[in-house]
Every structure is written in C-alpha cells, then in structure tokens.
Amino acid sequence: MPSGKPLYNVDGSENPEVANILKKVMSFSDDMGKWARSDFKTTTAEQLEERIAICKLCEFWNASGFAGTGKCNKCGCSTQAKLRMSTSKCPIDKWGPVDVRQVD
C-alpha cells in the first residue's frame, strides 16, 4: 500500500489519503494507456504553450512541484509530462485532448 497505510481503517471506513493516492495512480495509468494507443503523439509547441498558460492561472497549479517543473494538485500529474501528451485532458476540463492529425 502507498505510504504503508491500509486502504481501509479498522472501523471499515476508507482511508482518504490512500484512496486519493490510488485514484491518482489509476488516472495516470489510464492517461498512459490512451497515450500509448495514440502511438505516443505529443502536442505541438503552440498547443503546449496554450496548455501551460491555462494551468498557470489555475487554482490547482503548483509551480514548485516536481522540482520546479510544475504539478497539478488536482490530479497529481507532472505538468511537464501531461501537457505534452496529445491525448491527455485537464481533470477539471480546462483543456482537452488535441486532434492527433495536428500533432508534430
């Protein structure tokens, strides 16, 4: 289990900290699968800059996360990785997948 803590507490209630970590891992796995099925298509430089600009204005943006490369505190992803994947989308729908025909 992540952080050595059980998913469920002794009283049978769900441990929210562990459940949140598992949710993020599952989301990352889903994103990676979609990206692999697209043959690892990446965003264009313009699409990347547009996504970065949107994220930097977001209340969940953490500029210091992942050694200063940026992190989404909502989904937990490294924005340097997620923003480059053509198939990824913002967890609160501020931006979505790009048309892979437009990808370099």
PDB file of N, CA and C in Angstrom:
ATOM      1  N   MET A   1       0.825  -1.187   0.000  1.00  0.00           N
ATOM      2  CA  MET A   1       0.000   0.000   0.000  1.00  0.00           C
ATOM      3  C   MET A   1       0.869   1.250   0.000  1.00  0.00           C
ATOM      4  N   PRO A   2       0.440   2.301  -0.661  1.00  0.00           N
ATOM      5  CA  PRO A   2       1.172   3.558  -0.643  1.00  0.00           C
ATOM      6  C   PRO A   2       1.334   4.073   0.779  1.00  0.00           C
ATOM      7  N   SER A   3       2.463   4.614   1.083  1.00  0.00           N
ATOM      8  CA  SER A   3       2.810   5.195   2.376  1.00  0.00           C
ATOM      9  C   SER A   3       2.679   4.200   3.532  1.00  0.00           C
ATOM     10  N   GLY A   4       2.550   2.923   3.260  1.00  0.00           N
ATOM     11  CA  GLY A   4       2.473   1.915   4.307  1.00  0.00           C
ATOM     12  C   GLY A   4       1.161   1.912   5.068  1.00  0.00           C
ATOM     13  N   LYS A   5       0.173   2.645   4.597  1.00  0.00           N
ATOM     14  CA  LYS A   5      -1.109   2.731   5.284  1.00  0.00           C
ATOM     15  C   LYS A   5      -2.137   1.880   4.550  1.00  0.00           C
ATOM     16  N   PRO A   6      -3.065   1.257   5.291  1.00  0.00           N
ATOM     17  CA  PRO A   6      -4.096   0.447   4.633  1.00  0.00           C
ATOM     18  C   PRO A   6      -5.152   1.319   3.961  1.00  0.00           C
ATOM     19  N   LEU A   7      -5.785   0.761   2.940  1.00  0.00           N
ATOM     20  CA  LEU A   7      -6.857   1.474   2.249  1.00  0.00           C
ATOM     21  C   LEU A   7      -8.055   1.684   3.170  1.00  0.00           C
ATOM     22  N   TYR A   8      -8.301   0.708   4.038  1.00  0.00           N
ATOM     23  CA  TYR A   8      -9.436   0.816   4.950  1.00  0.00           C
ATOM     24  C   TYR A   8      -8.956   0.885   6.391  1.00  0.00           C
ATOM     25  N   ASN A   9      -9.617   1.706   7.176  1.00  0.00           N
ATOM     26  CA  ASN A   9      -9.319   1.836   8.591  1.00  0.00           C
ATOM     27  C   ASN A   9      -9.910   0.646   9.345  1.00  0.00           C
ATOM     28  N   VAL A  10      -9.540   0.488  10.604  1.00  0.00           N
ATOM     29  CA  VAL A  10     -10.022  -0.614  11.440  1.00  0.00           C
ATOM     30  C   VAL A  10     -11.540  -0.628  11.512  1.00  0.00           C
ATOM     31  N   ASP A  11     -12.162   0.546  11.502  1.00  0.00           N
ATOM     32  CA  ASP A  11     -13.628   0.618  11.588  1.00  0.00           C
ATOM     33  C   ASP A  11     -14.324   0.351  10.251  1.00  0.00           C
ATOM     34  N   GLY A  12     -13.540   0.047   9.205  1.00  0.00           N
ATOM     35  CA  GLY A  12     -14.106  -0.254   7.892  1.00  0.00           C
ATOM     36  C   GLY A  12     -14.250   0.950   6.982  1.00  0.00           C
ATOM     37  N   SER A  13     -13.987   2.130   7.504  1.00  0.00           N
ATOM     38  CA  SER A  13     -14.069   3.328   6.670  1.00  0.00           C
ATOM     39  C   SER A  13     -12.833   3.432   5.784  1.00  0.00           C
ATOM     40  N   GLU A  14     -13.006   4.083   4.648  1.00  0.00           N
ATOM     41  CA  GLU A  14     -11.916   4.238   3.696  1.00  0.00           C
ATOM     42  C   GLU A  14     -10.929   5.291   4.187  1.00  0.00           C
ATOM     43  N   ASN A  15      -9.636   5.015   4.038  1.00  0.00           N
ATOM     44  CA  ASN A  15      -8.604   5.976   4.382  1.00  0.00           C
ATOM     45  C   ASN A  15      -8.498   6.954   3.215  1.00  0.00           C
ATOM     46  N   PRO A  16      -8.936   8.214   3.375  1.00  0.00           N
ATOM     47  CA  PRO A  16      -8.982   9.144   2.242  1.00  0.00           C
ATOM     48  C   PRO A  16      -7.605   9.450   1.649  1.00  0.00           C
ATOM     49  N   GLU A  17      -6.572   9.463   2.466  1.00  0.00           N
ATOM     50  CA  GLU A  17      -5.224   9.746   1.955  1.00  0.00           C
ATOM     51  C   GLU A  17      -4.775   8.653   0.984  1.00  0.00           C
ATOM     52  N   VAL A  18      -4.968   7.408   1.355  1.00  0.00           N
ATOM     53  CA  VAL A  18      -4.566   6.293   0.496  1.00  0.00           C
ATOM     54  C   VAL A  18      -5.487   6.200  -0.716  1.00  0.00           C
ATOM     55  N   ALA A  19      -6.777   6.409  -0.522  1.00  0.00           N
ATOM     56  CA  ALA A  19      -7.725   6.369  -1.637  1.00  0.00           C
ATOM     57  C   ALA A  19      -7.366   7.426  -2.675  1.00  0.00           C
ATOM     58  N   ASN A  20      -6.941   8.599  -2.230  1.00  0.00           N
ATOM     59  CA  ASN A  20      -6.560   9.669  -3.142  1.00  0.00           C
ATOM     60  C   ASN A  20      -5.311   9.286  -3.942  1.00  0.00           C
ATOM     61  N   ILE A  21      -4.345   8.669  -3.298  1.00  0.00           N
ATOM     62  CA  ILE A  21      -3.136   8.212  -3.991  1.00  0.00           C
ATOM     63  C   ILE A  21      -3.496   7.161  -5.031  1.00  0.00           C
ATOM     64  N   LEU A  22      -4.335   6.216  -4.665  1.00  0.00           N
ATOM     65  CA  LEU A  22      -4.743   5.168  -5.606  1.00  0.00           C
ATOM     66  C   LEU A  22      -5.508   5.751  -6.786  1.00  0.00           C
ATOM     67  N   LYS A  23      -6.342   6.735  -6.530  1.00  0.00           N
ATOM     68  CA  LYS A  23      -7.094   7.394  -7.605  1.00  0.00           C
ATOM     69  C   LYS A  23      -6.136   8.063  -8.589  1.00  0.00           C
ATOM     70  N   LYS A  24      -5.110   8.714  -8.076  1.00  0.00           N
ATOM     71  CA  LYS A  24      -4.127   9.369  -8.929  1.00  0.00           C
ATOM     72  C   LYS A  24      -3.332   8.359  -9.744  1.00  0.00           C
ATOM     73  N   VAL A  25      -2.974   7.233  -9.134  1.00  0.00           N
ATOM     74  CA  VAL A  25      -2.241   6.185  -9.853  1.00  0.00           C
ATOM     75  C   VAL A  25      -3.103   5.615 -10.970  1.00  0.00           C
ATOM     76  N   MET A  26      -4.369   5.379 -10.696  1.00  0.00           N
ATOM     77  CA  MET A  26      -5.272   4.845 -11.713  1.00  0.00           C
ATOM     78  C   MET A  26      -5.469   5.846 -12.852  1.00  0.00           C
ATOM     79  N   SER A  27      -5.577   7.126 -12.525  1.00  0.00           N
ATOM     80  CA  SER A  27      -5.726   8.164 -13.535  1.00  0.00           C
ATOM     81  C   SER A  27      -4.482   8.223 -14.420  1.00  0.00           C
ATOM     82  N   PHE A  28      -3.317   8.160 -13.802  1.00  0.00           N
ATOM     83  CA  PHE A  28      -2.054   8.178 -14.557  1.00  0.00           C
ATOM     84  C   PHE A  28      -1.975   6.968 -15.480  1.00  0.00           C
ATOM     85  N   SER A  29      -2.339   5.799 -14.991  1.00  0.00           N
ATOM     86  CA  SER A  29      -2.316   4.579 -15.810  1.00  0.00           C
ATOM     87  C   SER A  29      -3.258   4.703 -17.001  1.00  0.00           C
ATOM     88  N   ASP A  30      -4.436   5.252 -16.769  1.00  0.00           N
ATOM     89  CA  ASP A  30      -5.404   5.454 -17.843  1.00  0.00           C
ATOM     90  C   ASP A  30      -4.844   6.423 -18.883  1.00  0.00           C
ATOM     91  N   ASP A  31      -4.265   7.538 -18.418  1.00  0.00           N
ATOM     92  CA  ASP A  31      -3.663   8.511 -19.340  1.00  0.00           C
ATOM     93  C   ASP A  31      -2.544   7.886 -20.165  1.00  0.00           C
ATOM     94  N   MET A  32      -1.701   7.091 -19.533  1.00  0.00           N
ATOM     95  CA  MET A  32      -0.588   6.462 -20.250  1.00  0.00           C
ATOM     96  C   MET A  32      -1.098   5.471 -21.296  1.00  0.00           C
ATOM     97  N   GLY A  33      -2.151   4.737 -20.984  1.00  0.00           N
ATOM     98  CA  GLY A  33      -2.735   3.803 -21.941  1.00  0.00           C
ATOM     99  C   GLY A  33      -3.276   4.512 -23.162  1.00  0.00           C
ATOM    100  N   LYS A  34      -3.994   5.611 -22.940  1.00  0.00           N
ATOM    101  CA  LYS A  34      -4.534   6.392 -24.064  1.00  0.00           C
ATOM    102  C   LYS A  34      -3.401   6.947 -24.919  1.00  0.00           C
ATOM    103  N   TRP A  35      -2.366   7.423 -24.262  1.00  0.00           N
ATOM    104  CA  TRP A  35      -1.237   7.999 -24.987  1.00  0.00           C
ATOM    105  C   TRP A  35      -0.509   6.931 -25.798  1.00  0.00           C
ATOM    106  N   ALA A  36      -0.344   5.756 -25.237  1.00  0.00           N
ATOM    107  CA  ALA A  36       0.302   4.644 -25.957  1.00  0.00           C
ATOM    108  C   ALA A  36      -0.521   4.254 -27.185  1.00  0.00           C
ATOM    109  N   ARG A  37      -1.852   4.207 -27.038  1.00  0.00           N
ATOM    110  CA  ARG A  37      -2.712   3.847 -28.170  1.00  0.00           C
ATOM    111  C   ARG A  37      -2.670   4.898 -29.282  1.00  0.00           C
ATOM    112  N   SER A  38      -2.224   6.107 -28.962  1.00  0.00           N
ATOM    113  CA  SER A  38      -2.098   7.153 -29.983  1.00  0.00           C
ATOM    114  C   SER A  38      -0.723   7.121 -30.643  1.00  0.00           C
ATOM    115  N   ASP A  39       0.060   6.091 -30.339  1.00  0.00           N
ATOM    116  CA  ASP A  39       1.447   5.998 -30.809  1.00  0.00           C
ATOM    117  C   ASP A  39       2.305   7.119 -30.230  1.00  0.00           C
ATOM    118  N   PHE A  40       1.998   7.504 -28.987  1.00  0.00           N
ATOM    119  CA  PHE A  40       2.791   8.479 -28.236  1.00  0.00           C
ATOM    120  C   PHE A  40       2.892   9.835 -28.928  1.00  0.00           C
ATOM    121  N   LYS A  41       1.790  10.264 -29.523  1.00  0.00           N
ATOM    122  CA  LYS A  41       1.739  11.578 -30.169  1.00  0.00           C
ATOM    123  C   LYS A  41       1.846  12.668 -29.106  1.00  0.00           C
ATOM    124  N   THR A  42       2.586  13.718 -29.425  1.00  0.00           N
ATOM    125  CA  THR A  42       2.753  14.826 -28.495  1.00  0.00           C
ATOM    126  C   THR A  42       2.155  16.102 -29.076  1.00  0.00           C
ATOM    127  N   THR A  43       1.947  17.064 -28.207  1.00  0.00           N
ATOM    128  CA  THR A  43       1.390  18.339 -28.631  1.00  0.00           C
ATOM    129  C   THR A  43       2.421  19.134 -29.425  1.00  0.00           C
ATOM    130  N   THR A  44       1.926  20.051 -30.222  1.00  0.00           N
ATOM    131  CA  THR A  44       2.814  20.987 -30.905  1.00  0.00           C
ATOM    132  C   THR A  44       3.312  21.994 -29.866  1.00  0.00           C
ATOM    133  N   ALA A  45       4.317  22.770 -30.219  1.00  0.00           N
ATOM    134  CA  ALA A  45       4.828  23.799 -29.307  1.00  0.00           C
ATOM    135  C   ALA A  45       3.730  24.801 -28.955  1.00  0.00           C
ATOM    136  N   GLU A  46       2.903  25.147 -29.921  1.00  0.00           N
ATOM    137  CA  GLU A  46       1.820  26.097 -29.680  1.00  0.00           C
ATOM    138  C   GLU A  46       0.771  25.521 -28.727  1.00  0.00           C
ATOM    139  N   GLN A  47       0.398  24.251 -28.934  1.00  0.00           N
ATOM    140  CA  GLN A  47      -0.576  23.601 -28.055  1.00  0.00           C
ATOM    141  C   GLN A  47      -0.031  23.494 -26.632  1.00  0.00           C
ATOM    142  N   LEU A  48       1.251  23.180 -26.518  1.00  0.00           N
ATOM    143  CA  LEU A  48       1.888  23.079 -25.205  1.00  0.00           C
ATOM    144  C   LEU A  48       1.860  24.427 -24.493  1.00  0.00           C
ATOM    145  N   GLU A  49       2.215  25.487 -25.176  1.00  0.00           N
ATOM    146  CA  GLU A  49       2.215  26.823 -24.573  1.00  0.00           C
ATOM    147  C   GLU A  49       0.814  27.247 -24.143  1.00  0.00           C
ATOM    148  N   GLU A  50      -0.196  26.894 -24.940  1.00  0.00           N
ATOM    149  CA  GLU A  50      -1.581  27.217 -24.585  1.00  0.00           C
ATOM    150  C   GLU A  50      -1.989  26.487 -23.308  1.00  0.00           C
ATOM    151  N   ARG A  51      -1.652  25.213 -23.218  1.00  0.00           N
ATOM    152  CA  ARG A  51      -1.982  24.436 -22.016  1.00  0.00           C
ATOM    153  C   ARG A  51      -1.249  24.990 -20.795  1.00  0.00           C
ATOM    154  N   ILE A  52       0.031  25.307 -20.937  1.00  0.00           N
ATOM    155  CA  ILE A  52       0.812  25.854 -19.819  1.00  0.00           C
ATOM    156  C   ILE A  52       0.181  27.157 -19.316  1.00  0.00           C
ATOM    157  N   ALA A  53      -0.202  28.029 -20.242  1.00  0.00           N
ATOM    158  CA  ALA A  53      -0.813  29.308 -19.859  1.00  0.00           C
ATOM    159  C   ALA A  53      -2.095  29.089 -19.058  1.00  0.00           C
ATOM    160  N   ILE A  54      -2.895  28.123 -19.471  1.00  0.00           N
ATOM    161  CA  ILE A  54      -4.141  27.811 -18.760  1.00  0.00           C
ATOM    162  C   ILE A  54      -3.830  27.280 -17.368  1.00  0.00           C
ATOM    163  N   CYS A  55      -2.890  26.349 -17.278  1.00  0.00           N
ATOM    164  CA  CYS A  55      -2.546  25.748 -15.988  1.00  0.00           C
ATOM    165  C   CYS A  55      -1.983  26.780 -15.007  1.00  0.00           C
ATOM    166  N   LYS A  56      -1.171  27.682 -15.503  1.00  0.00           N
ATOM    167  CA  LYS A  56      -0.550  28.669 -14.619  1.00  0.00           C
ATOM    168  C   LYS A  56      -1.569  29.613 -13.978  1.00  0.00           C
ATOM    169  N   LEU A  57      -2.746  29.723 -14.565  1.00  0.00           N
ATOM    170  CA  LEU A  57      -3.809  30.552 -13.998  1.00  0.00           C
ATOM    171  C   LEU A  57      -4.753  29.763 -13.086  1.00  0.00           C
ATOM    172  N   CYS A  58      -4.558  28.470 -13.016  1.00  0.00           N
ATOM    173  CA  CYS A  58      -5.469  27.583 -12.279  1.00  0.00           C
ATOM    174  C   CYS A  58      -5.157  27.560 -10.779  1.00  0.00           C
ATOM    175  N   GLU A  59      -6.202  27.454  -9.990  1.00  0.00           N
ATOM    176  CA  GLU A  59      -6.051  27.389  -8.531  1.00  0.00           C
ATOM    177  C   GLU A  59      -5.353  26.111  -8.061  1.00  0.00           C
ATOM    178  N   PHE A  60      -5.285  25.088  -8.904  1.00  0.00           N
ATOM    179  CA  PHE A  60      -4.632  23.827  -8.533  1.00  0.00           C
ATOM    180  C   PHE A  60      -3.183  23.736  -9.023  1.00  0.00           C
ATOM    181  N   TRP A  61      -2.700  24.755  -9.734  1.00  0.00           N
ATOM    182  CA  TRP A  61      -1.332  24.772 -10.260  1.00  0.00           C
ATOM    183  C   TRP A  61      -0.335  24.950  -9.110  1.00  0.00           C
ATOM    184  N   ASN A  62       0.693  24.132  -9.114  1.00  0.00           N
ATOM    185  CA  ASN A  62       1.760  24.215  -8.125  1.00  0.00           C
ATOM    186  C   ASN A  62       3.069  24.371  -8.884  1.00  0.00           C
ATOM    187  N   ALA A  63       3.522  25.595  -9.041  1.00  0.00           N
ATOM    188  CA  ALA A  63       4.725  25.878  -9.836  1.00  0.00           C
ATOM    189  C   ALA A  63       5.971  25.224  -9.267  1.00  0.00           C
ATOM    190  N   SER A  64       6.035  25.026  -7.963  1.00  0.00           N
ATOM    191  CA  SER A  64       7.235  24.446  -7.354  1.00  0.00           C
ATOM    192  C   SER A  64       7.220  22.923  -7.343  1.00  0.00           C
ATOM    193  N   GLY A  65       6.108  22.307  -7.720  1.00  0.00           N
ATOM    194  CA  GLY A  65       6.013  20.847  -7.730  1.00  0.00           C
ATOM    195  C   GLY A  65       6.974  20.202  -8.717  1.00  0.00           C
ATOM    196  N   PHE A  66       7.357  18.985  -8.431  1.00  0.00           N
ATOM    197  CA  PHE A  66       8.279  18.219  -9.273  1.00  0.00           C
ATOM    198  C   PHE A  66       9.532  19.029  -9.614  1.00  0.00           C
ATOM    199  N   ALA A  67      10.200  19.500  -8.559  1.00  0.00           N
ATOM    200  CA  ALA A  67      11.474  20.216  -8.678  1.00  0.00           C
ATOM    201  C   ALA A  67      11.355  21.474  -9.550  1.00  0.00           C
ATOM    202  N   GLY A  68      10.225  22.167  -9.434  1.00  0.00           N
ATOM    203  CA  GLY A  68      10.050  23.421 -10.148  1.00  0.00           C
ATOM    204  C   GLY A  68       9.556  23.295 -11.575  1.00  0.00           C
ATOM    205  N   THR A  69       9.213  22.089 -12.009  1.00  0.00           N
ATOM    206  CA  THR A  69       8.698  21.925 -13.372  1.00  0.00           C
ATOM    207  C   THR A  69       7.181  22.039 -13.430  1.00  0.00           C
ATOM    208  N   GLY A  70       6.525  22.009 -12.291  1.00  0.00           N
ATOM    209  CA  GLY A  70       5.083  22.185 -12.231  1.00  0.00           C
ATOM    210  C   GLY A  70       4.331  20.902 -11.953  1.00  0.00           C
ATOM    211  N   LYS A  71       3.254  21.048 -11.196  1.00  0.00           N
ATOM    212  CA  LYS A  71       2.425  19.908 -10.808  1.00  0.00           C
ATOM    213  C   LYS A  71       0.978  20.361 -10.685  1.00  0.00           C
ATOM    214  N   CYS A  72       0.082  19.499 -11.112  1.00  0.00           N
ATOM    215  CA  CYS A  72      -1.346  19.729 -10.907  1.00  0.00           C
ATOM    216  C   CYS A  72      -1.724  19.120  -9.561  1.00  0.00           C
ATOM    217  N   ASN A  73      -2.171  19.947  -8.633  1.00  0.00           N
ATOM    218  CA  ASN A  73      -2.558  19.424  -7.327  1.00  0.00           C
ATOM    219  C   ASN A  73      -3.915  18.719  -7.356  1.00  0.00           C
ATOM    220  N   LYS A  74      -4.645  18.843  -8.434  1.00  0.00           N
ATOM    221  CA  LYS A  74      -5.931  18.155  -8.556  1.00  0.00           C
ATOM    222  C   LYS A  74      -5.719  16.694  -8.933  1.00  0.00           C
ATOM    223  N   CYS A  75      -4.927  16.444  -9.987  1.00  0.00           N
ATOM    224  CA  CYS A  75      -4.712  15.061 -10.430  1.00  0.00           C
ATOM    225  C   CYS A  75      -3.354  14.507  -9.993  1.00  0.00           C
ATOM    226  N   GLY A  76      -2.450  15.387  -9.573  1.00  0.00           N
ATOM    227  CA  GLY A  76      -1.145  14.942  -9.102  1.00  0.00           C
ATOM    228  C   GLY A  76      -0.109  14.744 -10.191  1.00  0.00           C
ATOM    229  N   CYS A  77      -0.457  15.068 -11.419  1.00  0.00           N
ATOM    230  CA  CYS A  77       0.461  14.825 -12.537  1.00  0.00           C
ATOM    231  C   CYS A  77       1.510  15.908 -12.666  1.00  0.00           C
ATOM    232  N   SER A  78       2.641  15.494 -13.209  1.00  0.00           N
ATOM    233  CA  SER A  78       3.668  16.440 -13.612  1.00  0.00           C
ATOM    234  C   SER A  78       3.146  17.142 -14.849  1.00  0.00           C
ATOM    235  N   THR A  79       3.037  18.453 -14.772  1.00  0.00           N
ATOM    236  CA  THR A  79       2.524  19.156 -15.935  1.00  0.00           C
ATOM    237  C   THR A  79       3.514  19.119 -17.092  1.00  0.00           C
ATOM    238  N   GLN A  80       4.788  18.958 -16.820  1.00  0.00           N
ATOM    239  CA  GLN A  80       5.762  18.869 -17.897  1.00  0.00           C
ATOM    240  C   GLN A  80       5.526  17.617 -18.740  1.00  0.00           C
ATOM    241  N   ALA A  81       5.034  16.561 -18.139  1.00  0.00           N
ATOM    242  CA  ALA A  81       4.739  15.332 -18.896  1.00  0.00           C
ATOM    243  C   ALA A  81       3.325  15.368 -19.465  1.00  0.00           C
ATOM    244  N   LYS A  82       2.357  15.618 -18.609  1.00  0.00           N
ATOM    245  CA  LYS A  82       0.953  15.541 -19.014  1.00  0.00           C
ATOM    246  C   LYS A  82       0.599  16.533 -20.120  1.00  0.00           C
ATOM    247  N   LEU A  83       1.127  17.733 -20.050  1.00  0.00           N
ATOM    248  CA  LEU A  83       0.789  18.751 -21.042  1.00  0.00           C
ATOM    249  C   LEU A  83       1.317  18.412 -22.425  1.00  0.00           C
ATOM    250  N   ARG A  84       2.300  17.560 -22.503  1.00  0.00           N
ATOM    251  CA  ARG A  84       2.883  17.181 -23.797  1.00  0.00           C
ATOM    252  C   ARG A  84       2.142  16.010 -24.460  1.00  0.00           C
ATOM    253  N   MET A  85       1.371  15.273 -23.694  1.00  0.00           N
ATOM    254  CA  MET A  85       0.662  14.113 -24.236  1.00  0.00           C
ATOM    255  C   MET A  85      -0.596  14.584 -24.964  1.00  0.00           C
ATOM    256  N   SER A  86      -0.692  14.307 -26.261  1.00  0.00           N
ATOM    257  CA  SER A  86      -1.816  14.807 -27.063  1.00  0.00           C
ATOM    258  C   SER A  86      -3.170  14.297 -26.580  1.00  0.00           C
ATOM    259  N   THR A  87      -3.187  13.151 -25.944  1.00  0.00           N
ATOM    260  CA  THR A  87      -4.444  12.531 -25.526  1.00  0.00           C
ATOM    261  C   THR A  87      -4.886  12.921 -24.120  1.00  0.00           C
ATOM    262  N   SER A  88      -4.058  13.651 -23.387  1.00  0.00           N
ATOM    263  CA  SER A  88      -4.406  13.979 -22.006  1.00  0.00           C
ATOM    264  C   SER A  88      -5.432  15.098 -21.944  1.00  0.00           C
ATOM    265  N   LYS A  89      -6.073  15.195 -20.767  1.00  0.00           N
ATOM    266  CA  LYS A  89      -7.044  16.263 -20.549  1.00  0.00           C
ATOM    267  C   LYS A  89      -6.939  16.743 -19.115  1.00  0.00           C
ATOM    268  N   CYS A  90      -7.343  17.962 -18.919  1.00  0.00           N
ATOM    269  CA  CYS A  90      -7.356  18.564 -17.591  1.00  0.00           C
ATOM    270  C   CYS A  90      -8.421  17.861 -16.737  1.00  0.00           C
ATOM    271  N   PRO A  91      -8.110  17.572 -15.469  1.00  0.00           N
ATOM    272  CA  PRO A  91      -9.097  16.888 -14.626  1.00  0.00           C
ATOM    273  C   PRO A  91     -10.334  17.733 -14.318  1.00  0.00           C
ATOM    274  N   ILE A  92     -10.258  19.037 -14.544  1.00  0.00           N
ATOM    275  CA  ILE A  92     -11.443  19.886 -14.331  1.00  0.00           C
ATOM    276  C   ILE A  92     -11.862  20.565 -15.636  1.00  0.00           C
ATOM    277  N   ASP A  93     -11.496  19.935 -16.741  1.00  0.00           N
ATOM    278  CA  ASP A  93     -11.956  20.307 -18.093  1.00  0.00           C
ATOM    279  C   ASP A  93     -11.604  21.723 -18.545  1.00  0.00           C
ATOM    280  N   LYS A  94     -10.423  22.188 -18.185  1.00  0.00           N
ATOM    281  CA  LYS A  94      -9.989  23.493 -18.685  1.00  0.00           C
ATOM    282  C   LYS A  94      -9.344  23.370 -20.059  1.00  0.00           C
ATOM    283  N   TRP A  95      -8.881  22.185 -20.426  1.00  0.00           N
ATOM    284  CA  TRP A  95      -8.365  21.877 -21.759  1.00  0.00           C
ATOM    285  C   TRP A  95      -8.496  20.372 -21.963  1.00  0.00           C
ATOM    286  N   GLY A  96      -8.487  19.963 -23.221  1.00  0.00           N
ATOM    287  CA  GLY A  96      -8.694  18.552 -23.518  1.00  0.00           C
ATOM    288  C   GLY A  96      -7.709  18.009 -24.530  1.00  0.00           C
ATOM    289  N   PRO A  97      -7.957  16.782 -24.978  1.00  0.00           N
ATOM    290  CA  PRO A  97      -7.080  16.165 -25.978  1.00  0.00           C
ATOM    291  C   PRO A  97      -7.058  17.012 -27.247  1.00  0.00           C
ATOM    292  N   VAL A  98      -5.959  16.927 -27.963  1.00  0.00           N
ATOM    293  CA  VAL A  98      -5.846  17.643 -29.237  1.00  0.00           C
ATOM    294  C   VAL A  98      -5.991  16.655 -30.377  1.00  0.00           C
ATOM    295  N   ASP A  99      -6.430  17.166 -31.498  1.00  0.00           N
ATOM    296  CA  ASP A  99      -6.581  16.351 -32.711  1.00  0.00           C
ATOM    297  C   ASP A  99      -5.207  15.841 -33.114  1.00  0.00           C
ATOM    298  N   VAL A 100      -5.021  14.521 -33.078  1.00  0.00           N
ATOM    299  CA  VAL A 100      -3.694  13.953 -33.351  1.00  0.00           C
ATOM    300  C   VAL A 100      -3.234  14.203 -34.766  1.00  0.00           C
ATOM    301  N   ARG A 101      -4.129  14.550 -35.687  1.00  0.00           N
ATOM    302  CA  ARG A 101      -3.710  14.884 -37.052  1.00  0.00           C
ATOM    303  C   ARG A 101      -2.944  16.195 -37.075  1.00  0.00           C
ATOM    304  N   GLN A 102      -3.130  17.022 -36.025  1.00  0.00           N
ATOM    305  CA  GLN A 102      -2.457  18.304 -35.957  1.00  0.00           C
ATOM    306  C   GLN A 102      -1.127  18.229 -35.205  1.00  0.00           C
ATOM    307  N   VAL A 103      -0.784  17.077 -34.713  1.00  0.00           N
ATOM    308  CA  VAL A 103       0.385  16.920 -33.865  1.00  0.00           C
ATOM    309  C   VAL A 103       1.623  16.702 -34.711  1.00  0.00           C
ATOM    310  N   ASP A 104       2.738  17.324 -34.291  1.00  0.00           N
ATOM    311  CA  ASP A 104       4.016  17.148 -34.984  1.00  0.00           C
ATOM    312  C   ASP A 104       4.492  15.708 -34.884  1.00  0.00           C
TER     313      ASP A 104
END
